Amino acid sequence: MNFELLIAPWRSPLARALHRNRSQPHSRYFQLATVQTDGRPANRTVVFRGFLSDTNLLKIITDTRSQKFNQILHQPWAEVCWYFCVTREQFRIAGELTLIDANHPDSELQKARQVAWQDLSDNARVQFAWPHPGQPRDHQEAFSSSLSDPDTPSGNFCLLLLDPVMVDHLELRGDPQNRWCYLKDNSHTWSTTAINP
C-alpha cells in the first residue's frame, strides 16, 4: 500500500491543539462516524493512537468481532469529529478507512499492527480476550482471562488507518470565528482555504 509521505498542512494546527490540550486526558479521544450495512449512521468514541510513521494516516484500533469492523468492510468512508475544550477548536476529518487484520497481505502494515499491539497497556490488550463484543453479557469469570504473549497480537486485534481527504478546522475563539478547509486532490496535493465559520 502506498501512502503519501508529505505531511499535510492541517497537521501543524492539529499538533498544536494536541499540545495545548495535553493536560486533558480526553483530548486523545474523538468520535468516529461510519455507515452501517442498512445505510444508517453509526458513531462511537475511539482513542487516537498517533500517526502511522511519517504519513498523515490516523491510527485507531478495533476488534474484528465488533460491529465497527463489519461496517467498515461494507463502507470504508468515515469521518472523525475531534473537539478540544481548552483551545475551543474542532477538527472534522473525512477519509477512507483501511483495516489491517491478521490476514492483511502487506508486511509493513503487519509490522505496524504488531507495534500498535505492543504499545497497548495490559488492560487494553486483555479486552481482546474477553467474550464477543455486543453479545448478551457473559458471566464475570469470562472477563478474567489474560493474554499469554504481549508481543504477538490477538487474532481479532485490528489496526485501523484513516486516510484523510478533507479536514475542516474551526476555531471557536475570535469574533468572527476562524475556519479552514483542507482538501486533498487526486495527485495527493493539499489545498488550504479560509472559509466562513
N, C-alpha and C. Protein backbone atom coordinates (compact mmCIF):
# COMPACT_ATOMS: atom_id res chain seq x y z
N MET A 1 0.83 -1.17 0.00
CA MET A 1 0.00 0.00 0.00
C MET A 1 0.88 1.24 0.00
N ASN A 2 0.61 2.18 -0.88
CA ASN A 2 1.41 3.39 -0.96
C ASN A 2 0.64 4.57 -0.39
N PHE A 3 1.20 5.20 0.63
CA PHE A 3 0.61 6.39 1.21
C PHE A 3 1.60 7.53 1.04
N GLU A 4 1.06 8.74 0.81
CA GLU A 4 1.96 9.87 0.62
C GLU A 4 2.73 10.15 1.90
N LEU A 5 3.95 10.60 1.73
CA LEU A 5 4.82 10.84 2.88
C LEU A 5 4.97 12.32 3.20
N LEU A 6 4.35 13.21 2.41
CA LEU A 6 4.41 14.63 2.71
C LEU A 6 3.41 14.95 3.81
N ILE A 7 3.87 15.62 4.83
CA ILE A 7 2.99 15.97 5.94
C ILE A 7 2.01 17.05 5.47
N ALA A 8 0.74 16.81 5.70
CA ALA A 8 -0.32 17.72 5.25
C ALA A 8 -0.32 19.01 6.06
N PRO A 9 -0.81 20.11 5.47
CA PRO A 9 -0.79 21.41 6.17
C PRO A 9 -1.67 21.45 7.41
N TRP A 10 -2.68 20.58 7.54
CA TRP A 10 -3.54 20.57 8.72
C TRP A 10 -2.87 19.89 9.92
N ARG A 11 -1.75 19.20 9.67
CA ARG A 11 -1.07 18.51 10.77
C ARG A 11 -0.50 19.49 11.79
N SER A 12 -0.02 20.64 11.36
CA SER A 12 0.55 21.61 12.29
C SER A 12 -0.50 22.16 13.26
N PRO A 13 -1.67 22.63 12.78
CA PRO A 13 -2.69 23.09 13.74
C PRO A 13 -3.19 21.96 14.64
N LEU A 14 -3.25 20.74 14.11
CA LEU A 14 -3.69 19.62 14.94
C LEU A 14 -2.64 19.31 16.02
N ALA A 15 -1.37 19.31 15.65
CA ALA A 15 -0.30 19.08 16.63
C ALA A 15 -0.32 20.15 17.71
N ARG A 16 -0.55 21.40 17.31
CA ARG A 16 -0.63 22.50 18.27
C ARG A 16 -1.82 22.29 19.22
N ALA A 17 -2.97 21.87 18.69
CA ALA A 17 -4.14 21.62 19.53
C ALA A 17 -3.88 20.47 20.51
N LEU A 18 -3.26 19.40 20.03
CA LEU A 18 -2.92 18.28 20.91
C LEU A 18 -1.97 18.73 22.02
N HIS A 19 -0.99 19.53 21.66
CA HIS A 19 -0.03 20.01 22.66
C HIS A 19 -0.71 20.91 23.69
N ARG A 20 -1.49 21.86 23.22
CA ARG A 20 -2.11 22.84 24.13
C ARG A 20 -3.21 22.22 24.98
N ASN A 21 -3.73 21.05 24.59
CA ASN A 21 -4.78 20.36 25.35
C ASN A 21 -4.25 19.12 26.05
N ARG A 22 -2.94 18.95 26.10
CA ARG A 22 -2.33 17.72 26.63
C ARG A 22 -2.67 17.45 28.09
N SER A 23 -3.02 18.48 28.85
CA SER A 23 -3.38 18.28 30.26
C SER A 23 -4.75 17.62 30.41
N GLN A 24 -5.51 17.57 29.33
CA GLN A 24 -6.85 16.98 29.35
C GLN A 24 -6.80 15.58 28.76
N PRO A 25 -6.91 14.52 29.59
CA PRO A 25 -6.81 13.14 29.05
C PRO A 25 -7.80 12.88 27.92
N HIS A 26 -8.98 13.51 27.97
CA HIS A 26 -9.98 13.25 26.93
C HIS A 26 -9.60 13.85 25.58
N SER A 27 -8.54 14.64 25.52
CA SER A 27 -8.15 15.21 24.22
C SER A 27 -7.58 14.14 23.28
N ARG A 28 -7.33 12.93 23.78
CA ARG A 28 -6.85 11.83 22.94
C ARG A 28 -8.01 11.00 22.37
N TYR A 29 -9.24 11.41 22.65
CA TYR A 29 -10.42 10.69 22.17
C TYR A 29 -11.13 11.53 21.11
N PHE A 30 -11.68 10.84 20.11
CA PHE A 30 -12.52 11.53 19.14
C PHE A 30 -13.66 10.62 18.73
N GLN A 31 -14.65 11.20 18.06
CA GLN A 31 -15.80 10.43 17.59
C GLN A 31 -15.53 9.99 16.15
N LEU A 32 -15.83 8.73 15.89
CA LEU A 32 -15.66 8.15 14.56
C LEU A 32 -17.03 7.74 14.04
N ALA A 33 -17.44 8.34 12.93
CA ALA A 33 -18.74 8.04 12.33
C ALA A 33 -18.52 7.19 11.08
N THR A 34 -19.31 6.13 10.97
CA THR A 34 -19.30 5.25 9.81
C THR A 34 -20.73 5.03 9.35
N VAL A 35 -20.91 4.23 8.30
CA VAL A 35 -22.23 3.91 7.79
C VAL A 35 -22.46 2.41 7.95
N GLN A 36 -23.60 2.05 8.54
CA GLN A 36 -23.94 0.64 8.74
C GLN A 36 -24.40 0.01 7.42
N THR A 37 -24.49 -1.30 7.41
CA THR A 37 -24.90 -2.01 6.19
C THR A 37 -26.32 -1.63 5.76
N ASP A 38 -27.17 -1.19 6.70
CA ASP A 38 -28.53 -0.79 6.35
C ASP A 38 -28.62 0.70 5.96
N GLY A 39 -27.45 1.37 5.87
CA GLY A 39 -27.42 2.77 5.46
C GLY A 39 -27.53 3.76 6.61
N ARG A 40 -27.77 3.28 7.81
CA ARG A 40 -27.89 4.18 8.95
C ARG A 40 -26.50 4.57 9.47
N PRO A 41 -26.41 5.77 10.08
CA PRO A 41 -25.11 6.18 10.63
C PRO A 41 -24.79 5.44 11.92
N ALA A 42 -23.52 5.29 12.19
CA ALA A 42 -23.04 4.73 13.45
C ALA A 42 -21.91 5.62 13.94
N ASN A 43 -21.91 5.92 15.22
CA ASN A 43 -20.91 6.81 15.79
C ASN A 43 -20.43 6.24 17.11
N ARG A 44 -19.13 6.35 17.36
CA ARG A 44 -18.58 5.88 18.61
C ARG A 44 -17.33 6.68 18.94
N THR A 45 -16.93 6.65 20.21
CA THR A 45 -15.73 7.34 20.64
C THR A 45 -14.58 6.35 20.62
N VAL A 46 -13.45 6.77 20.03
CA VAL A 46 -12.27 5.91 19.93
C VAL A 46 -11.05 6.69 20.42
N VAL A 47 -9.97 5.97 20.63
CA VAL A 47 -8.73 6.57 21.11
C VAL A 47 -7.81 6.83 19.92
N PHE A 48 -7.27 8.04 19.85
CA PHE A 48 -6.27 8.37 18.85
C PHE A 48 -4.96 7.71 19.25
N ARG A 49 -4.41 6.86 18.37
CA ARG A 49 -3.19 6.11 18.64
C ARG A 49 -1.98 6.69 17.92
N GLY A 50 -2.08 7.92 17.44
CA GLY A 50 -0.97 8.55 16.74
C GLY A 50 -1.11 8.42 15.24
N PHE A 51 -0.03 8.75 14.54
CA PHE A 51 0.01 8.65 13.09
C PHE A 51 0.92 7.49 12.69
N LEU A 52 0.63 6.89 11.56
CA LEU A 52 1.46 5.81 11.05
C LEU A 52 2.75 6.40 10.49
N SER A 53 3.86 6.13 11.14
CA SER A 53 5.19 6.58 10.71
C SER A 53 5.16 8.04 10.27
N ASP A 54 5.66 8.31 9.08
CA ASP A 54 5.72 9.68 8.56
C ASP A 54 4.61 9.94 7.56
N THR A 55 3.42 9.45 7.86
CA THR A 55 2.28 9.65 6.98
C THR A 55 1.23 10.51 7.68
N ASN A 56 0.14 10.78 6.99
CA ASN A 56 -1.00 11.51 7.56
C ASN A 56 -2.09 10.56 8.04
N LEU A 57 -1.79 9.26 8.11
CA LEU A 57 -2.78 8.26 8.49
C LEU A 57 -2.97 8.21 9.99
N LEU A 58 -4.20 8.43 10.44
CA LEU A 58 -4.52 8.35 11.85
C LEU A 58 -4.70 6.88 12.23
N LYS A 59 -4.12 6.50 13.37
CA LYS A 59 -4.22 5.12 13.83
C LYS A 59 -5.31 4.99 14.90
N ILE A 60 -6.12 3.94 14.73
CA ILE A 60 -7.19 3.56 15.65
C ILE A 60 -7.07 2.05 15.78
N ILE A 61 -7.62 1.48 16.83
CA ILE A 61 -7.65 0.02 16.91
C ILE A 61 -9.09 -0.45 17.05
N THR A 62 -9.33 -1.70 16.67
CA THR A 62 -10.65 -2.28 16.82
C THR A 62 -10.53 -3.79 16.93
N ASP A 63 -11.64 -4.42 17.23
CA ASP A 63 -11.76 -5.86 17.35
C ASP A 63 -12.51 -6.37 16.12
N THR A 64 -11.98 -7.39 15.46
CA THR A 64 -12.63 -7.89 14.24
C THR A 64 -14.03 -8.45 14.52
N ARG A 65 -14.33 -8.70 15.79
CA ARG A 65 -15.66 -9.22 16.15
C ARG A 65 -16.67 -8.10 16.35
N SER A 66 -16.23 -6.85 16.29
CA SER A 66 -17.13 -5.72 16.58
C SER A 66 -17.97 -5.34 15.36
N GLN A 67 -19.07 -4.63 15.63
CA GLN A 67 -19.91 -4.12 14.55
C GLN A 67 -19.14 -3.14 13.68
N LYS A 68 -18.27 -2.36 14.29
CA LYS A 68 -17.47 -1.38 13.56
C LYS A 68 -16.68 -2.05 12.44
N PHE A 69 -16.09 -3.21 12.73
CA PHE A 69 -15.29 -3.94 11.74
C PHE A 69 -16.14 -4.27 10.51
N ASN A 70 -17.32 -4.83 10.73
CA ASN A 70 -18.19 -5.21 9.61
C ASN A 70 -18.71 -4.00 8.85
N GLN A 71 -18.97 -2.90 9.56
CA GLN A 71 -19.43 -1.69 8.89
C GLN A 71 -18.36 -1.15 7.94
N ILE A 72 -17.11 -1.21 8.38
CA ILE A 72 -16.02 -0.70 7.57
C ILE A 72 -15.79 -1.59 6.35
N LEU A 73 -15.96 -2.89 6.51
CA LEU A 73 -15.86 -3.78 5.35
C LEU A 73 -16.91 -3.43 4.32
N HIS A 74 -18.09 -3.06 4.80
CA HIS A 74 -19.21 -2.69 3.92
C HIS A 74 -18.98 -1.34 3.25
N GLN A 75 -18.52 -0.35 4.04
CA GLN A 75 -18.38 1.02 3.55
C GLN A 75 -17.18 1.66 4.25
N PRO A 76 -16.05 1.82 3.55
CA PRO A 76 -14.83 2.29 4.21
C PRO A 76 -14.74 3.79 4.48
N TRP A 77 -15.72 4.58 4.01
CA TRP A 77 -15.65 6.02 4.25
C TRP A 77 -16.11 6.35 5.65
N ALA A 78 -15.43 7.31 6.27
CA ALA A 78 -15.74 7.67 7.65
C ALA A 78 -15.39 9.13 7.89
N GLU A 79 -15.86 9.64 9.01
CA GLU A 79 -15.47 10.99 9.43
C GLU A 79 -15.24 11.00 10.93
N VAL A 80 -14.19 11.71 11.30
CA VAL A 80 -13.82 11.92 12.69
C VAL A 80 -14.28 13.31 13.09
N CYS A 81 -14.78 13.45 14.31
CA CYS A 81 -15.06 14.77 14.88
C CYS A 81 -14.28 14.84 16.19
N TRP A 82 -13.39 15.81 16.29
CA TRP A 82 -12.44 15.90 17.39
C TRP A 82 -12.53 17.30 17.97
N TYR A 83 -13.00 17.41 19.21
CA TYR A 83 -13.16 18.73 19.85
C TYR A 83 -12.16 18.88 20.99
N PHE A 84 -11.49 20.02 21.03
CA PHE A 84 -10.52 20.33 22.06
C PHE A 84 -11.08 21.44 22.95
N CYS A 85 -11.33 21.09 24.20
CA CYS A 85 -12.01 22.01 25.13
C CYS A 85 -11.17 23.22 25.51
N VAL A 86 -9.89 23.02 25.78
CA VAL A 86 -9.05 24.12 26.26
C VAL A 86 -8.94 25.22 25.21
N THR A 87 -8.67 24.82 23.98
CA THR A 87 -8.48 25.81 22.90
C THR A 87 -9.76 26.10 22.12
N ARG A 88 -10.83 25.39 22.47
CA ARG A 88 -12.13 25.60 21.83
C ARG A 88 -12.03 25.53 20.31
N GLU A 89 -11.56 24.39 19.83
CA GLU A 89 -11.48 24.19 18.39
C GLU A 89 -11.90 22.77 18.03
N GLN A 90 -12.37 22.63 16.81
CA GLN A 90 -12.88 21.36 16.32
C GLN A 90 -12.20 21.01 15.00
N PHE A 91 -11.88 19.72 14.86
CA PHE A 91 -11.37 19.18 13.60
C PHE A 91 -12.35 18.10 13.14
N ARG A 92 -12.86 18.25 11.92
CA ARG A 92 -13.63 17.18 11.28
C ARG A 92 -12.74 16.64 10.17
N ILE A 93 -12.45 15.35 10.25
CA ILE A 93 -11.50 14.73 9.32
C ILE A 93 -12.22 13.59 8.59
N ALA A 94 -12.42 13.75 7.30
CA ALA A 94 -13.11 12.74 6.50
C ALA A 94 -12.09 12.00 5.64
N GLY A 95 -12.32 10.71 5.49
CA GLY A 95 -11.41 9.92 4.67
C GLY A 95 -11.83 8.47 4.58
N GLU A 96 -10.92 7.68 4.05
CA GLU A 96 -11.19 6.26 3.84
C GLU A 96 -10.42 5.43 4.86
N LEU A 97 -11.10 4.43 5.41
CA LEU A 97 -10.51 3.56 6.41
C LEU A 97 -9.92 2.31 5.77
N THR A 98 -8.79 1.88 6.28
CA THR A 98 -8.17 0.62 5.88
C THR A 98 -8.01 -0.25 7.12
N LEU A 99 -8.47 -1.48 7.02
CA LEU A 99 -8.37 -2.44 8.13
C LEU A 99 -7.12 -3.29 7.96
N ILE A 100 -6.31 -3.36 8.99
CA ILE A 100 -5.12 -4.21 8.97
C ILE A 100 -5.36 -5.32 9.99
N ASP A 101 -5.88 -6.43 9.52
CA ASP A 101 -6.13 -7.56 10.42
C ASP A 101 -5.02 -8.59 10.25
N ALA A 102 -5.17 -9.74 10.88
CA ALA A 102 -4.13 -10.77 10.85
C ALA A 102 -3.85 -11.30 9.45
N ASN A 103 -4.78 -11.12 8.53
CA ASN A 103 -4.64 -11.65 7.17
C ASN A 103 -4.23 -10.61 6.13
N HIS A 104 -3.95 -9.41 6.56
CA HIS A 104 -3.60 -8.36 5.60
C HIS A 104 -2.29 -8.73 4.88
N PRO A 105 -2.23 -8.58 3.55
CA PRO A 105 -1.07 -9.05 2.79
C PRO A 105 0.19 -8.18 2.88
N ASP A 106 0.06 -6.92 3.32
CA ASP A 106 1.20 -6.01 3.33
C ASP A 106 2.04 -6.24 4.60
N SER A 107 3.29 -6.66 4.41
CA SER A 107 4.14 -6.99 5.56
C SER A 107 4.49 -5.75 6.40
N GLU A 108 4.65 -4.59 5.76
CA GLU A 108 4.94 -3.37 6.52
C GLU A 108 3.76 -2.98 7.41
N LEU A 109 2.56 -3.13 6.87
CA LEU A 109 1.38 -2.81 7.68
C LEU A 109 1.17 -3.86 8.78
N GLN A 110 1.58 -5.09 8.52
CA GLN A 110 1.52 -6.11 9.58
C GLN A 110 2.47 -5.74 10.72
N LYS A 111 3.64 -5.21 10.37
CA LYS A 111 4.58 -4.75 11.41
C LYS A 111 3.96 -3.61 12.21
N ALA A 112 3.28 -2.69 11.51
CA ALA A 112 2.62 -1.57 12.20
C ALA A 112 1.53 -2.09 13.14
N ARG A 113 0.82 -3.13 12.71
CA ARG A 113 -0.20 -3.75 13.56
C ARG A 113 0.44 -4.33 14.82
N GLN A 114 1.56 -5.00 14.65
CA GLN A 114 2.25 -5.60 15.80
C GLN A 114 2.75 -4.51 16.77
N VAL A 115 3.30 -3.44 16.24
CA VAL A 115 3.77 -2.34 17.09
C VAL A 115 2.59 -1.72 17.85
N ALA A 116 1.47 -1.54 17.15
CA ALA A 116 0.28 -0.97 17.81
C ALA A 116 -0.17 -1.87 18.96
N TRP A 117 -0.11 -3.17 18.77
CA TRP A 117 -0.46 -4.14 19.81
C TRP A 117 0.50 -4.00 21.00
N GLN A 118 1.77 -3.93 20.71
CA GLN A 118 2.77 -3.84 21.78
C GLN A 118 2.70 -2.52 22.54
N ASP A 119 2.21 -1.47 21.88
CA ASP A 119 2.08 -0.17 22.52
C ASP A 119 0.89 -0.09 23.48
N LEU A 120 -0.02 -1.06 23.41
CA LEU A 120 -1.19 -1.05 24.29
C LEU A 120 -0.80 -1.40 25.71
N SER A 121 -1.60 -0.92 26.65
CA SER A 121 -1.43 -1.33 28.05
C SER A 121 -1.94 -2.77 28.19
N ASP A 122 -1.54 -3.44 29.25
CA ASP A 122 -2.03 -4.80 29.52
C ASP A 122 -3.56 -4.81 29.63
N ASN A 123 -4.12 -3.78 30.27
CA ASN A 123 -5.58 -3.70 30.42
C ASN A 123 -6.29 -3.58 29.07
N ALA A 124 -5.68 -2.86 28.15
CA ALA A 124 -6.29 -2.73 26.82
C ALA A 124 -6.15 -4.03 26.04
N ARG A 125 -4.98 -4.68 26.12
CA ARG A 125 -4.77 -5.94 25.39
C ARG A 125 -5.71 -7.04 25.85
N VAL A 126 -5.94 -7.14 27.17
CA VAL A 126 -6.74 -8.24 27.68
C VAL A 126 -8.19 -8.17 27.18
N GLN A 127 -8.65 -6.98 26.80
CA GLN A 127 -10.03 -6.85 26.31
C GLN A 127 -10.26 -7.65 25.02
N PHE A 128 -9.19 -7.92 24.29
CA PHE A 128 -9.32 -8.70 23.06
C PHE A 128 -9.48 -10.19 23.35
N ALA A 129 -9.32 -10.59 24.62
CA ALA A 129 -9.57 -11.97 25.03
C ALA A 129 -10.93 -12.10 25.70
N TRP A 130 -11.62 -11.01 25.89
CA TRP A 130 -12.94 -11.02 26.50
C TRP A 130 -13.94 -11.68 25.56
N PRO A 131 -15.14 -11.99 26.07
CA PRO A 131 -16.19 -12.55 25.21
C PRO A 131 -16.56 -11.60 24.06
N HIS A 132 -17.23 -12.14 23.07
CA HIS A 132 -17.61 -11.44 21.85
C HIS A 132 -18.33 -10.13 22.17
N PRO A 133 -17.81 -8.97 21.68
CA PRO A 133 -18.46 -7.68 21.93
C PRO A 133 -19.87 -7.63 21.33
N GLY A 134 -20.79 -6.99 22.06
CA GLY A 134 -22.15 -6.80 21.56
C GLY A 134 -23.08 -7.97 21.78
N GLN A 135 -22.58 -9.08 22.28
CA GLN A 135 -23.42 -10.25 22.55
C GLN A 135 -23.98 -10.14 23.97
N PRO A 136 -25.00 -10.97 24.31
CA PRO A 136 -25.52 -10.94 25.68
C PRO A 136 -24.39 -11.13 26.70
N ARG A 137 -24.53 -10.45 27.82
CA ARG A 137 -23.49 -10.42 28.86
C ARG A 137 -23.14 -11.81 29.36
N ASP A 138 -21.83 -12.10 29.36
CA ASP A 138 -21.30 -13.36 29.88
C ASP A 138 -21.13 -13.28 31.39
N HIS A 139 -20.80 -14.44 31.99
CA HIS A 139 -20.51 -14.49 33.43
C HIS A 139 -19.22 -13.74 33.70
N GLN A 140 -19.07 -13.23 34.91
CA GLN A 140 -17.91 -12.44 35.30
C GLN A 140 -16.59 -13.17 35.04
N GLU A 141 -16.56 -14.49 35.22
CA GLU A 141 -15.33 -15.26 35.04
C GLU A 141 -14.80 -15.16 33.61
N ALA A 142 -15.69 -14.96 32.65
CA ALA A 142 -15.27 -14.88 31.25
C ALA A 142 -14.41 -13.65 30.97
N PHE A 143 -14.48 -12.67 31.88
CA PHE A 143 -13.71 -11.44 31.68
C PHE A 143 -12.38 -11.44 32.44
N SER A 144 -12.05 -12.53 33.07
CA SER A 144 -10.83 -12.57 33.86
C SER A 144 -9.67 -13.23 33.12
N SER A 145 -9.84 -13.51 31.83
CA SER A 145 -8.77 -14.15 31.07
C SER A 145 -7.59 -13.20 30.87
N SER A 146 -6.42 -13.78 30.66
CA SER A 146 -5.24 -12.97 30.40
C SER A 146 -4.56 -13.48 29.13
N LEU A 147 -3.84 -12.60 28.47
CA LEU A 147 -3.15 -12.99 27.26
C LEU A 147 -1.75 -13.47 27.61
N SER A 148 -1.33 -14.54 26.98
CA SER A 148 -0.03 -15.11 27.32
C SER A 148 1.13 -14.41 26.62
N ASP A 149 0.90 -13.79 25.49
CA ASP A 149 2.00 -13.20 24.74
C ASP A 149 1.72 -11.74 24.38
N PRO A 150 2.27 -10.79 25.16
CA PRO A 150 2.04 -9.38 24.85
C PRO A 150 2.76 -8.89 23.60
N ASP A 151 3.62 -9.74 23.01
CA ASP A 151 4.35 -9.34 21.80
C ASP A 151 3.64 -9.73 20.51
N THR A 152 2.73 -10.70 20.60
CA THR A 152 2.03 -11.19 19.40
C THR A 152 0.57 -10.78 19.46
N PRO A 153 0.09 -10.03 18.47
CA PRO A 153 -1.31 -9.57 18.50
C PRO A 153 -2.31 -10.71 18.55
N SER A 154 -3.37 -10.48 19.28
CA SER A 154 -4.51 -11.39 19.29
C SER A 154 -5.05 -11.50 17.86
N GLY A 155 -5.57 -12.65 17.50
CA GLY A 155 -6.09 -12.86 16.15
C GLY A 155 -7.20 -11.90 15.78
N ASN A 156 -7.94 -11.39 16.75
CA ASN A 156 -9.05 -10.48 16.47
C ASN A 156 -8.67 -9.00 16.65
N PHE A 157 -7.38 -8.74 16.90
CA PHE A 157 -6.90 -7.37 17.01
C PHE A 157 -6.69 -6.79 15.61
N CYS A 158 -7.17 -5.57 15.41
CA CYS A 158 -7.09 -4.94 14.10
C CYS A 158 -6.62 -3.50 14.23
N LEU A 159 -5.66 -3.13 13.41
CA LEU A 159 -5.25 -1.74 13.30
C LEU A 159 -6.10 -1.10 12.21
N LEU A 160 -6.61 0.06 12.51
CA LEU A 160 -7.48 0.78 11.60
C LEU A 160 -6.79 2.08 11.23
N LEU A 161 -6.67 2.36 9.93
CA LEU A 161 -6.00 3.57 9.46
C LEU A 161 -6.99 4.45 8.71
N LEU A 162 -7.05 5.71 9.10
CA LEU A 162 -7.90 6.68 8.40
C LEU A 162 -7.00 7.54 7.51
N ASP A 163 -7.26 7.48 6.21
CA ASP A 163 -6.51 8.25 5.22
C ASP A 163 -7.33 9.49 4.86
N PRO A 164 -7.03 10.64 5.45
CA PRO A 164 -7.86 11.84 5.25
C PRO A 164 -7.83 12.37 3.82
N VAL A 165 -8.98 12.88 3.38
CA VAL A 165 -9.09 13.57 2.10
C VAL A 165 -9.65 14.98 2.30
N MET A 166 -10.26 15.23 3.47
CA MET A 166 -10.83 16.55 3.77
C MET A 166 -10.73 16.78 5.27
N VAL A 167 -10.28 17.98 5.64
CA VAL A 167 -10.21 18.37 7.04
C VAL A 167 -10.85 19.75 7.17
N ASP A 168 -11.79 19.87 8.10
CA ASP A 168 -12.47 21.13 8.40
C ASP A 168 -12.04 21.52 9.81
N HIS A 169 -11.33 22.63 9.92
CA HIS A 169 -10.80 23.08 11.22
C HIS A 169 -11.51 24.37 11.60
N LEU A 170 -12.17 24.36 12.76
CA LEU A 170 -12.92 25.51 13.25
C LEU A 170 -12.37 25.95 14.60
N GLU A 171 -11.97 27.22 14.70
CA GLU A 171 -11.59 27.82 15.98
C GLU A 171 -12.77 28.64 16.48
N LEU A 172 -13.30 28.27 17.64
CA LEU A 172 -14.48 28.96 18.15
C LEU A 172 -14.14 30.27 18.85
N ARG A 173 -12.87 30.47 19.17
CA ARG A 173 -12.46 31.75 19.73
C ARG A 173 -12.31 32.76 18.60
N GLY A 174 -12.61 33.99 18.92
CA GLY A 174 -12.50 35.03 17.89
C GLY A 174 -13.87 35.55 17.51
N ASP A 175 -13.88 36.73 16.96
CA ASP A 175 -15.13 37.35 16.54
C ASP A 175 -14.87 38.08 15.24
N PRO A 176 -15.14 37.49 14.09
CA PRO A 176 -15.79 36.18 13.96
C PRO A 176 -14.81 35.03 14.19
N GLN A 177 -15.36 33.86 14.30
CA GLN A 177 -14.53 32.67 14.48
C GLN A 177 -13.73 32.41 13.20
N ASN A 178 -12.71 31.55 13.32
CA ASN A 178 -11.87 31.22 12.17
C ASN A 178 -12.11 29.78 11.75
N ARG A 179 -12.10 29.57 10.44
CA ARG A 179 -12.36 28.23 9.92
C ARG A 179 -11.57 28.02 8.62
N TRP A 180 -11.00 26.83 8.48
CA TRP A 180 -10.24 26.49 7.28
C TRP A 180 -10.70 25.14 6.76
N CYS A 181 -10.65 24.99 5.45
CA CYS A 181 -10.95 23.72 4.81
C CYS A 181 -9.68 23.27 4.08
N TYR A 182 -9.27 22.04 4.34
CA TYR A 182 -8.11 21.44 3.68
C TYR A 182 -8.63 20.30 2.81
N LEU A 183 -8.28 20.30 1.53
CA LEU A 183 -8.75 19.27 0.61
C LEU A 183 -7.56 18.63 -0.09
N LYS A 184 -7.61 17.30 -0.24
CA LYS A 184 -6.57 16.58 -0.97
C LYS A 184 -7.12 16.22 -2.34
N ASP A 185 -6.37 16.55 -3.39
CA ASP A 185 -6.83 16.24 -4.74
C ASP A 185 -6.30 14.87 -5.18
N ASN A 186 -6.60 14.52 -6.43
CA ASN A 186 -6.22 13.19 -6.94
C ASN A 186 -4.71 12.98 -7.02
N SER A 187 -3.93 14.07 -7.05
CA SER A 187 -2.48 13.94 -7.09
C SER A 187 -1.88 13.97 -5.68
N HIS A 188 -2.75 13.88 -4.66
CA HIS A 188 -2.35 13.87 -3.25
C HIS A 188 -1.76 15.20 -2.79
N THR A 189 -2.17 16.29 -3.47
CA THR A 189 -1.74 17.62 -3.08
C THR A 189 -2.85 18.25 -2.25
N TRP A 190 -2.47 18.89 -1.14
CA TRP A 190 -3.43 19.52 -0.25
C TRP A 190 -3.59 21.00 -0.60
N SER A 191 -4.84 21.47 -0.60
CA SER A 191 -5.12 22.90 -0.71
C SER A 191 -5.69 23.37 0.63
N THR A 192 -5.47 24.64 0.93
CA THR A 192 -5.97 25.24 2.17
C THR A 192 -6.78 26.46 1.80
N THR A 193 -8.02 26.53 2.31
CA THR A 193 -8.89 27.67 2.04
C THR A 193 -9.50 28.16 3.34
N ALA A 194 -9.35 29.45 3.62
CA ALA A 194 -10.06 30.05 4.75
C ALA A 194 -11.51 30.21 4.33
N ILE A 195 -12.43 29.74 5.17
CA ILE A 195 -13.85 29.79 4.83
C ILE A 195 -14.64 30.46 5.95
N ASN A 196 -15.86 30.86 5.65
CA ASN A 196 -16.70 31.49 6.65
C ASN A 196 -17.06 30.47 7.74
N PRO A 197 -17.07 30.92 9.00
CA PRO A 197 -17.44 29.98 10.08
C PRO A 197 -18.91 29.61 10.03
